[in-house]
């Protein structure tokens, strides 16, 4: 049984790079939404910490997430534009609970 993959990426930049990080993350999200295995990709901006962003990504399965990481736009935007601006990063990956038996 195939299960969905959810990725939650919490990143921050220095205050002076916050706007540029937001721009790059929005550009990356737009490109990622075109991937065949990407179900959703949303970017949220912290109200209390302007330099902090959270991306919530959902893929059809782990193979789709692997394809995402191999995509040209991931290298060109994610690695080349986003990562140099990031000062703190916490990325967590979750598998859907659909394969867990229901409580009896």
C-alpha atoms as a PDB file:
ATOM      1  CA  UNK A   1       0.000   0.000   0.000  1.00  0.00           C
ATOM      2  CA  UNK A   2       1.340   3.400  -0.981  1.00  0.00           C
ATOM      3  CA  UNK A   3       1.114   6.211   1.533  1.00  0.00           C
ATOM      4  CA  UNK A   4       1.406   9.969   1.263  1.00  0.00           C
ATOM      5  CA  UNK A   5       4.477  11.799   2.479  1.00  0.00           C
ATOM      6  CA  UNK A   6       4.232  15.103   4.345  1.00  0.00           C
ATOM      7  CA  UNK A   7       7.278  17.335   4.718  1.00  0.00           C
ATOM      8  CA  UNK A   8       7.359  20.256   7.145  1.00  0.00           C
ATOM      9  CA  UNK A   9      10.323  22.578   6.644  1.00  0.00           C
ATOM     10  CA  UNK A  10      10.850  25.340   9.216  1.00  0.00           C
ATOM     11  CA  UNK A  11      13.557  27.781   8.104  1.00  0.00           C
ATOM     12  CA  UNK A  12      14.843  31.170   9.189  1.00  0.00           C
ATOM     13  CA  UNK A  13      17.208  33.748   7.764  1.00  0.00           C
ATOM     14  CA  UNK A  14      18.884  36.782   9.213  1.00  0.00           C
ATOM     15  CA  UNK A  15      16.416  39.694   9.571  1.00  0.00           C
ATOM     16  CA  UNK A  16      17.971  41.565   6.639  1.00  0.00           C
ATOM     17  CA  UNK A  17      17.430  38.553   4.317  1.00  0.00           C
ATOM     18  CA  UNK A  18      13.850  37.756   5.403  1.00  0.00           C
ATOM     19  CA  UNK A  19      12.149  39.313   2.380  1.00  0.00           C
ATOM     20  CA  UNK A  20      14.550  37.647  -0.079  1.00  0.00           C
ATOM     21  CA  UNK A  21      14.046  34.265   1.618  1.00  0.00           C
ATOM     22  CA  UNK A  22      10.277  34.666   1.314  1.00  0.00           C
ATOM     23  CA  UNK A  23      10.567  35.496  -2.384  1.00  0.00           C
ATOM     24  CA  UNK A  24      12.782  32.469  -3.065  1.00  0.00           C
ATOM     25  CA  UNK A  25      10.499  30.137  -1.087  1.00  0.00           C
ATOM     26  CA  UNK A  26       7.414  31.338  -2.978  1.00  0.00           C
ATOM     27  CA  UNK A  27       9.229  30.803  -6.284  1.00  0.00           C
ATOM     28  CA  UNK A  28      10.284  27.309  -5.218  1.00  0.00           C
ATOM     29  CA  UNK A  29       6.743  26.438  -4.089  1.00  0.00           C
ATOM     30  CA  UNK A  30       5.291  27.565  -7.413  1.00  0.00           C
ATOM     31  CA  UNK A  31       7.752  25.372  -9.340  1.00  0.00           C
ATOM     32  CA  UNK A  32       7.226  22.373  -7.050  1.00  0.00           C
ATOM     33  CA  UNK A  33       3.451  22.485  -7.465  1.00  0.00           C
ATOM     34  CA  UNK A  34       3.988  21.496 -11.130  1.00  0.00           C
ATOM     35  CA  UNK A  35       5.648  18.198 -10.177  1.00  0.00           C
ATOM     36  CA  UNK A  36       3.428  15.201 -11.023  1.00  0.00           C
ATOM     37  CA  UNK A  37       3.797  13.704  -7.525  1.00  0.00           C
ATOM     38  CA  UNK A  38       3.290  16.922  -5.562  1.00  0.00           C
ATOM     39  CA  UNK A  39      -0.189  17.134  -4.050  1.00  0.00           C
ATOM     40  CA  UNK A  40       0.364  20.489  -2.341  1.00  0.00           C
ATOM     41  CA  UNK A  41       3.116  22.907  -1.375  1.00  0.00           C
ATOM     42  CA  UNK A  42       2.286  25.868   0.869  1.00  0.00           C
ATOM     43  CA  UNK A  43       4.570  28.472   2.434  1.00  0.00           C
ATOM     44  CA  UNK A  44       3.633  30.256   5.660  1.00  0.00           C
ATOM     45  CA  UNK A  45       5.283  33.351   7.145  1.00  0.00           C
ATOM     46  CA  UNK A  46       5.587  33.769  10.908  1.00  0.00           C
ATOM     47  CA  UNK A  47       3.620  36.676  12.336  1.00  0.00           C
ATOM     48  CA  UNK A  48       5.942  37.035  15.346  1.00  0.00           C
ATOM     49  CA  UNK A  49       9.279  36.347  13.608  1.00  0.00           C
ATOM     50  CA  UNK A  50       9.448  37.964  10.143  1.00  0.00           C
ATOM     51  CA  UNK A  51      12.575  36.002   9.228  1.00  0.00           C
ATOM     52  CA  UNK A  52      10.880  32.619   9.814  1.00  0.00           C
ATOM     53  CA  UNK A  53       8.956  30.550   7.253  1.00  0.00           C
ATOM     54  CA  UNK A  54       7.308  27.137   7.317  1.00  0.00           C
ATOM     55  CA  UNK A  55       6.705  25.109   4.157  1.00  0.00           C
ATOM     56  CA  UNK A  56       4.224  22.245   4.238  1.00  0.00           C
ATOM     57  CA  UNK A  57       4.600  19.868   1.310  1.00  0.00           C
ATOM     58  CA  UNK A  58       2.575  16.776   0.462  1.00  0.00           C
ATOM     59  CA  UNK A  59       3.651  14.114  -2.051  1.00  0.00           C
ATOM     60  CA  UNK A  60       1.854  11.022  -3.331  1.00  0.00           C
ATOM     61  CA  UNK A  61       4.633   8.754  -2.017  1.00  0.00           C
ATOM     62  CA  UNK A  62       8.322   8.597  -1.114  1.00  0.00           C
ATOM     63  CA  UNK A  63       9.295   8.137  -4.782  1.00  0.00           C
ATOM     64  CA  UNK A  64       7.585  11.445  -5.620  1.00  0.00           C
ATOM     65  CA  UNK A  65       9.508  13.137  -2.807  1.00  0.00           C
ATOM     66  CA  UNK A  66      12.765  11.664  -4.141  1.00  0.00           C
ATOM     67  CA  UNK A  67      11.871  12.975  -7.620  1.00  0.00           C
ATOM     68  CA  UNK A  68      11.230  16.402  -6.052  1.00  0.00           C
ATOM     69  CA  UNK A  69      14.730  16.419  -4.538  1.00  0.00           C
ATOM     70  CA  UNK A  70      16.213  15.503  -7.939  1.00  0.00           C
ATOM     71  CA  UNK A  71      14.289  18.165  -9.906  1.00  0.00           C
ATOM     72  CA  UNK A  72      16.183  20.953 -11.659  1.00  0.00           C
ATOM     73  CA  UNK A  73      14.170  23.656  -9.887  1.00  0.00           C
ATOM     74  CA  UNK A  74      15.029  22.135  -6.495  1.00  0.00           C
ATOM     75  CA  UNK A  75      18.734  22.502  -7.301  1.00  0.00           C
ATOM     76  CA  UNK A  76      18.407  25.888  -9.021  1.00  0.00           C
ATOM     77  CA  UNK A  77      16.092  27.551  -6.499  1.00  0.00           C
ATOM     78  CA  UNK A  78      16.155  25.424  -3.340  1.00  0.00           C
ATOM     79  CA  UNK A  79      19.864  24.737  -3.141  1.00  0.00           C
ATOM     80  CA  UNK A  80      21.255  27.760  -4.995  1.00  0.00           C
ATOM     81  CA  UNK A  81      18.894  30.520  -3.778  1.00  0.00           C
ATOM     82  CA  UNK A  82      17.122  29.408  -0.593  1.00  0.00           C
ATOM     83  CA  UNK A  83      19.880  27.548   1.251  1.00  0.00           C
ATOM     84  CA  UNK A  84      22.469  30.381   1.181  1.00  0.00           C
ATOM     85  CA  UNK A  85      19.916  32.599   2.984  1.00  0.00           C
ATOM     86  CA  UNK A  86      19.015  30.042   5.666  1.00  0.00           C
ATOM     87  CA  UNK A  87      20.541  30.410   9.121  1.00  0.00           C
ATOM     88  CA  UNK A  88      18.349  27.807  10.861  1.00  0.00           C
ATOM     89  CA  UNK A  89      16.621  24.788   9.369  1.00  0.00           C
ATOM     90  CA  UNK A  90      14.438  21.997  10.734  1.00  0.00           C
ATOM     91  CA  UNK A  91      12.955  19.593   8.178  1.00  0.00           C
ATOM     92  CA  UNK A  92      10.692  16.747   9.254  1.00  0.00           C
ATOM     93  CA  UNK A  93       9.176  14.045   7.100  1.00  0.00           C
ATOM     94  CA  UNK A  94       5.982  12.178   7.951  1.00  0.00           C
ATOM     95  CA  UNK A  95       4.287   9.145   6.428  1.00  0.00           C
ATOM     96  CA  UNK A  96       0.490   9.058   6.327  1.00  0.00           C
ATOM     97  CA  UNK A  97      -1.213   7.085   9.057  1.00  0.00           C
ATOM     98  CA  UNK A  98      -3.463   5.290   6.565  1.00  0.00           C
ATOM     99  CA  UNK A  99      -1.430   2.109   6.943  1.00  0.00           C
ATOM    100  CA  UNK A 100      -1.864   2.035  10.746  1.00  0.00           C
ATOM    101  CA  UNK A 101      -4.691  -0.271  11.877  1.00  0.00           C
ATOM    102  CA  UNK A 102      -7.672   1.448  13.486  1.00  0.00           C
ATOM    103  CA  UNK A 103      -8.175   1.022  17.235  1.00  0.00           C
ATOM    104  CA  UNK A 104     -10.490  -1.849  18.073  1.00  0.00           C
END
